[in-house]
Amino acid sequence: MHTPVTMTSLLSILEKLRIRKQDNEFKMTPEGFTAGKGKAYGPSELKIIKTYRFEGDSNPSDSSIIYLIEANDGLVGYSLDAYGAYSSHDDEEGYDEFIRKIPMEDRDEQIIFQ
């Protein structure tokens, strides 16, 4: 079975985060983003330190983006947003608006994964 290059790339990012114990998934809740550590964060308590975009091989509308996020208390994790047929945030009111409010700081990958 052939594995698409984009999926491998997405999996490699998630694996790098897992190895560094930074594979905390930020999920949308009514209180803000939470990574299951008992705390919810507002946009001003977070910064997006890197984004990765992936497009589906057979259908460009089946694409996703992974946001690497650092909280003001040092917690690093990610939020995965899928577009097209696999959209995962249709039922989460305000996700897009929330993510747009988080400041961006595009760090070099070597700094993030050193």
N, C-alpha and C. Protein backbone atom coordinates (compact mmCIF):
# COMPACT_ATOMS: atom_id res chain seq x y z
N MET A 1 0.84 -1.19 0.00
CA MET A 1 0.00 0.00 0.00
C MET A 1 0.88 1.24 0.00
N HIS A 2 0.56 2.17 -0.88
CA HIS A 2 1.33 3.40 -1.02
C HIS A 2 0.86 4.42 0.01
N THR A 3 1.80 5.00 0.76
CA THR A 3 1.49 6.05 1.73
C THR A 3 1.80 7.39 1.09
N PRO A 4 0.84 8.32 1.05
CA PRO A 4 1.09 9.62 0.44
C PRO A 4 2.20 10.37 1.18
N VAL A 5 3.00 11.10 0.43
CA VAL A 5 4.10 11.86 1.01
C VAL A 5 3.58 12.85 2.05
N THR A 6 2.45 13.50 1.77
CA THR A 6 1.94 14.49 2.71
C THR A 6 1.58 13.86 4.04
N MET A 7 1.02 12.66 4.03
CA MET A 7 0.68 11.98 5.27
C MET A 7 1.94 11.64 6.04
N THR A 8 2.98 11.16 5.33
CA THR A 8 4.24 10.85 5.98
C THR A 8 4.82 12.09 6.63
N SER A 9 4.75 13.22 5.96
CA SER A 9 5.26 14.47 6.51
C SER A 9 4.49 14.87 7.76
N LEU A 10 3.17 14.75 7.72
CA LEU A 10 2.35 15.06 8.88
C LEU A 10 2.71 14.13 10.03
N LEU A 11 2.83 12.86 9.73
CA LEU A 11 3.18 11.90 10.77
C LEU A 11 4.58 12.15 11.32
N SER A 12 5.49 12.60 10.48
CA SER A 12 6.85 12.86 10.96
C SER A 12 6.87 14.04 11.94
N ILE A 13 6.05 15.05 11.69
CA ILE A 13 5.96 16.18 12.61
C ILE A 13 5.39 15.70 13.95
N LEU A 14 4.32 14.94 13.89
CA LEU A 14 3.72 14.42 15.13
C LEU A 14 4.68 13.51 15.87
N GLU A 15 5.47 12.73 15.14
CA GLU A 15 6.46 11.85 15.78
C GLU A 15 7.56 12.66 16.46
N LYS A 16 8.03 13.72 15.80
CA LYS A 16 9.04 14.58 16.42
C LYS A 16 8.51 15.17 17.73
N LEU A 17 7.25 15.59 17.71
CA LEU A 17 6.65 16.14 18.93
C LEU A 17 6.54 15.06 20.01
N ARG A 18 6.17 13.84 19.62
CA ARG A 18 6.03 12.75 20.59
C ARG A 18 7.38 12.45 21.24
N ILE A 19 8.42 12.38 20.44
CA ILE A 19 9.76 12.08 20.96
C ILE A 19 10.18 13.14 21.98
N ARG A 20 9.83 14.40 21.73
CA ARG A 20 10.20 15.49 22.64
C ARG A 20 9.18 15.68 23.77
N LYS A 21 8.20 14.78 23.85
CA LYS A 21 7.13 14.86 24.85
C LYS A 21 6.38 16.20 24.76
N GLN A 22 6.20 16.66 23.52
CA GLN A 22 5.46 17.88 23.24
C GLN A 22 4.24 17.59 22.39
N ASP A 23 3.76 16.35 22.44
CA ASP A 23 2.62 15.95 21.61
C ASP A 23 1.30 16.20 22.34
N ASN A 24 1.21 17.35 22.95
CA ASN A 24 -0.02 17.77 23.64
C ASN A 24 -0.97 18.36 22.60
N GLU A 25 -2.14 17.78 22.45
CA GLU A 25 -3.08 18.30 21.46
C GLU A 25 -3.97 19.35 22.11
N PHE A 26 -3.88 20.57 21.60
CA PHE A 26 -4.76 21.64 22.05
C PHE A 26 -6.11 21.46 21.38
N LYS A 27 -7.15 21.40 22.19
CA LYS A 27 -8.51 21.24 21.67
C LYS A 27 -9.36 22.42 22.12
N MET A 28 -10.32 22.75 21.28
CA MET A 28 -11.23 23.86 21.56
C MET A 28 -12.27 23.45 22.60
N THR A 29 -12.45 24.30 23.60
CA THR A 29 -13.51 24.12 24.59
C THR A 29 -14.20 25.48 24.76
N PRO A 30 -15.33 25.54 25.44
CA PRO A 30 -15.96 26.85 25.67
C PRO A 30 -15.06 27.83 26.44
N GLU A 31 -14.12 27.30 27.23
CA GLU A 31 -13.22 28.16 28.01
C GLU A 31 -11.98 28.58 27.24
N GLY A 32 -11.71 27.97 26.08
CA GLY A 32 -10.51 28.25 25.30
C GLY A 32 -9.85 26.96 24.89
N PHE A 33 -8.57 27.04 24.52
CA PHE A 33 -7.82 25.84 24.15
C PHE A 33 -7.38 25.12 25.41
N THR A 34 -7.51 23.81 25.42
CA THR A 34 -6.99 23.01 26.52
C THR A 34 -6.21 21.84 25.96
N ALA A 35 -5.19 21.43 26.70
CA ALA A 35 -4.36 20.30 26.27
C ALA A 35 -4.49 19.15 27.26
N GLY A 36 -5.61 19.12 27.99
CA GLY A 36 -5.86 18.03 28.92
C GLY A 36 -5.01 18.08 30.18
N LYS A 37 -4.46 19.22 30.50
CA LYS A 37 -3.60 19.37 31.68
C LYS A 37 -4.31 20.14 32.79
N GLY A 38 -5.64 20.31 32.64
CA GLY A 38 -6.41 20.99 33.68
C GLY A 38 -6.45 22.50 33.56
N LYS A 39 -5.97 23.04 32.47
CA LYS A 39 -5.96 24.49 32.29
C LYS A 39 -6.46 24.83 30.89
N ALA A 40 -7.24 25.89 30.80
CA ALA A 40 -7.69 26.40 29.50
C ALA A 40 -6.95 27.71 29.23
N TYR A 41 -6.56 27.89 27.98
CA TYR A 41 -5.79 29.07 27.59
C TYR A 41 -6.59 29.94 26.64
N GLY A 42 -6.50 31.24 26.84
CA GLY A 42 -7.06 32.21 25.90
C GLY A 42 -6.03 32.53 24.84
N PRO A 43 -6.44 33.17 23.75
CA PRO A 43 -5.50 33.48 22.66
C PRO A 43 -4.27 34.28 23.12
N SER A 44 -4.44 35.18 24.08
CA SER A 44 -3.32 36.00 24.53
C SER A 44 -2.31 35.21 25.36
N GLU A 45 -2.68 34.00 25.77
CA GLU A 45 -1.77 33.15 26.56
C GLU A 45 -1.02 32.15 25.69
N LEU A 46 -1.22 32.25 24.38
CA LEU A 46 -0.64 31.30 23.44
C LEU A 46 0.09 32.03 22.34
N LYS A 47 1.01 31.32 21.67
CA LYS A 47 1.57 31.83 20.42
C LYS A 47 1.80 30.66 19.49
N ILE A 48 1.50 30.88 18.23
CA ILE A 48 1.76 29.88 17.19
C ILE A 48 3.21 30.04 16.79
N ILE A 49 4.01 28.97 17.03
CA ILE A 49 5.44 29.07 16.76
C ILE A 49 5.83 28.49 15.40
N LYS A 50 4.93 27.74 14.78
CA LYS A 50 5.19 27.21 13.44
C LYS A 50 3.90 26.65 12.87
N THR A 51 3.74 26.75 11.58
CA THR A 51 2.60 26.13 10.91
C THR A 51 3.13 25.27 9.77
N TYR A 52 2.43 24.16 9.55
CA TYR A 52 2.74 23.26 8.44
C TYR A 52 1.45 23.01 7.70
N ARG A 53 1.48 23.14 6.39
CA ARG A 53 0.30 22.88 5.55
C ARG A 53 0.55 21.63 4.71
N PHE A 54 -0.49 20.81 4.59
CA PHE A 54 -0.41 19.58 3.82
C PHE A 54 -1.61 19.51 2.90
N GLU A 55 -1.38 19.15 1.63
CA GLU A 55 -2.48 18.98 0.68
C GLU A 55 -2.63 17.52 0.32
N GLY A 56 -3.87 17.09 0.14
CA GLY A 56 -4.14 15.71 -0.26
C GLY A 56 -3.62 15.44 -1.66
N ASP A 57 -3.08 14.24 -1.89
CA ASP A 57 -2.54 13.90 -3.21
C ASP A 57 -3.61 13.87 -4.29
N SER A 58 -4.77 13.31 -3.95
CA SER A 58 -5.80 13.15 -4.98
C SER A 58 -6.76 14.33 -5.05
N ASN A 59 -6.88 15.08 -3.99
CA ASN A 59 -7.84 16.17 -3.96
C ASN A 59 -7.29 17.31 -3.11
N PRO A 60 -6.90 18.43 -3.74
CA PRO A 60 -6.35 19.55 -2.98
C PRO A 60 -7.29 20.10 -1.91
N SER A 61 -8.60 19.83 -2.03
CA SER A 61 -9.52 20.33 -1.00
C SER A 61 -9.44 19.49 0.27
N ASP A 62 -8.81 18.31 0.18
CA ASP A 62 -8.58 17.49 1.36
C ASP A 62 -7.21 17.84 1.93
N SER A 63 -7.11 18.99 2.56
CA SER A 63 -5.83 19.43 3.08
C SER A 63 -5.95 19.68 4.57
N SER A 64 -4.79 19.81 5.21
CA SER A 64 -4.80 20.06 6.64
C SER A 64 -3.67 21.00 7.00
N ILE A 65 -3.77 21.54 8.18
CA ILE A 65 -2.74 22.42 8.72
C ILE A 65 -2.51 22.02 10.16
N ILE A 66 -1.25 21.98 10.54
CA ILE A 66 -0.92 21.72 11.94
C ILE A 66 -0.25 22.98 12.48
N TYR A 67 -0.80 23.47 13.58
CA TYR A 67 -0.25 24.63 14.26
C TYR A 67 0.56 24.13 15.45
N LEU A 68 1.85 24.49 15.53
CA LEU A 68 2.63 24.23 16.73
C LEU A 68 2.42 25.43 17.64
N ILE A 69 2.03 25.16 18.87
CA ILE A 69 1.61 26.22 19.78
C ILE A 69 2.39 26.13 21.08
N GLU A 70 2.80 27.29 21.59
CA GLU A 70 3.45 27.36 22.90
C GLU A 70 2.60 28.25 23.80
N ALA A 71 2.30 27.74 24.99
CA ALA A 71 1.54 28.51 25.98
C ALA A 71 2.51 29.36 26.79
N ASN A 72 1.97 30.38 27.45
CA ASN A 72 2.81 31.28 28.23
C ASN A 72 3.45 30.60 29.44
N ASP A 73 3.01 29.39 29.81
CA ASP A 73 3.63 28.65 30.91
C ASP A 73 4.64 27.62 30.39
N GLY A 74 4.95 27.65 29.08
CA GLY A 74 5.97 26.79 28.51
C GLY A 74 5.45 25.50 27.88
N LEU A 75 4.16 25.19 28.05
CA LEU A 75 3.60 23.98 27.45
C LEU A 75 3.59 24.13 25.93
N VAL A 76 4.14 23.13 25.24
CA VAL A 76 4.17 23.13 23.78
C VAL A 76 3.30 21.98 23.30
N GLY A 77 2.55 22.25 22.26
CA GLY A 77 1.69 21.23 21.68
C GLY A 77 1.27 21.63 20.28
N TYR A 78 0.15 21.08 19.84
CA TYR A 78 -0.29 21.32 18.48
C TYR A 78 -1.81 21.34 18.40
N SER A 79 -2.29 21.92 17.34
CA SER A 79 -3.70 21.83 16.97
C SER A 79 -3.74 21.49 15.49
N LEU A 80 -4.49 20.45 15.16
CA LEU A 80 -4.60 19.98 13.79
C LEU A 80 -5.96 20.40 13.24
N ASP A 81 -5.94 21.08 12.11
CA ASP A 81 -7.17 21.52 11.47
C ASP A 81 -7.23 20.93 10.08
N ALA A 82 -8.25 20.14 9.82
CA ALA A 82 -8.42 19.51 8.51
C ALA A 82 -9.48 20.27 7.72
N TYR A 83 -9.26 20.34 6.41
CA TYR A 83 -10.20 21.01 5.53
C TYR A 83 -10.83 19.99 4.60
N GLY A 84 -11.84 20.39 3.89
CA GLY A 84 -12.48 19.51 2.91
C GLY A 84 -13.29 18.43 3.59
N ALA A 85 -13.24 17.24 3.03
CA ALA A 85 -14.07 16.13 3.50
C ALA A 85 -13.74 15.69 4.92
N TYR A 86 -12.53 16.03 5.40
CA TYR A 86 -12.10 15.55 6.72
C TYR A 86 -12.09 16.65 7.77
N SER A 87 -12.79 17.74 7.53
CA SER A 87 -12.80 18.84 8.49
C SER A 87 -13.21 18.35 9.87
N SER A 88 -12.43 18.72 10.86
CA SER A 88 -12.67 18.22 12.22
C SER A 88 -13.24 19.28 13.16
N HIS A 89 -13.42 20.51 12.69
CA HIS A 89 -13.86 21.58 13.59
C HIS A 89 -15.22 22.16 13.22
N ASP A 90 -15.98 21.45 12.38
CA ASP A 90 -17.29 21.96 11.99
C ASP A 90 -18.20 22.20 13.19
N ASP A 91 -18.08 21.34 14.20
CA ASP A 91 -18.97 21.45 15.35
C ASP A 91 -18.39 22.29 16.48
N GLU A 92 -17.21 22.82 16.31
CA GLU A 92 -16.58 23.61 17.36
C GLU A 92 -16.73 25.08 17.04
N GLU A 93 -17.70 25.69 17.64
CA GLU A 93 -17.99 27.09 17.41
C GLU A 93 -16.80 27.97 17.77
N GLY A 94 -16.39 28.81 16.84
CA GLY A 94 -15.37 29.79 17.12
C GLY A 94 -13.93 29.35 16.93
N TYR A 95 -13.68 28.12 16.47
CA TYR A 95 -12.29 27.65 16.32
C TYR A 95 -11.50 28.59 15.41
N ASP A 96 -12.01 28.86 14.21
CA ASP A 96 -11.28 29.70 13.26
C ASP A 96 -11.03 31.09 13.82
N GLU A 97 -12.04 31.66 14.44
CA GLU A 97 -11.89 32.99 15.04
C GLU A 97 -10.85 32.96 16.16
N PHE A 98 -10.88 31.93 16.99
CA PHE A 98 -9.95 31.78 18.10
C PHE A 98 -8.52 31.68 17.58
N ILE A 99 -8.30 30.82 16.60
CA ILE A 99 -6.94 30.59 16.09
C ILE A 99 -6.38 31.85 15.45
N ARG A 100 -7.23 32.66 14.83
CA ARG A 100 -6.78 33.92 14.21
C ARG A 100 -6.31 34.93 15.25
N LYS A 101 -6.80 34.83 16.49
CA LYS A 101 -6.42 35.76 17.55
C LYS A 101 -5.10 35.42 18.22
N ILE A 102 -4.59 34.22 17.97
CA ILE A 102 -3.32 33.81 18.58
C ILE A 102 -2.17 34.45 17.82
N PRO A 103 -1.27 35.16 18.53
CA PRO A 103 -0.13 35.77 17.85
C PRO A 103 0.76 34.72 17.20
N MET A 104 1.37 35.11 16.06
CA MET A 104 2.25 34.20 15.33
C MET A 104 3.71 34.61 15.56
N GLU A 105 4.54 33.60 15.74
CA GLU A 105 5.99 33.80 15.85
C GLU A 105 6.61 32.65 15.09
N ASP A 106 6.92 32.85 13.83
CA ASP A 106 7.38 31.75 12.98
C ASP A 106 8.82 31.41 13.32
N ARG A 107 9.00 30.40 14.17
CA ARG A 107 10.34 29.97 14.58
C ARG A 107 10.92 29.00 13.57
N ASP A 108 12.23 29.00 13.50
CA ASP A 108 12.94 28.05 12.65
C ASP A 108 12.76 26.64 13.20
N GLU A 109 12.54 25.69 12.32
CA GLU A 109 12.31 24.30 12.74
C GLU A 109 13.48 23.75 13.56
N GLN A 110 14.70 24.17 13.23
CA GLN A 110 15.86 23.68 13.97
C GLN A 110 15.82 24.13 15.43
N ILE A 111 15.28 25.29 15.69
CA ILE A 111 15.15 25.77 17.07
C ILE A 111 14.08 24.98 17.80
N ILE A 112 12.98 24.70 17.12
CA ILE A 112 11.87 23.98 17.75
C ILE A 112 12.27 22.54 18.09
N PHE A 113 12.94 21.86 17.17
CA PHE A 113 13.25 20.45 17.34
C PHE A 113 14.70 20.15 17.71
N GLN A 114 15.41 21.14 18.25
CA GLN A 114 16.81 20.89 18.62
C GLN A 114 16.94 19.99 19.82
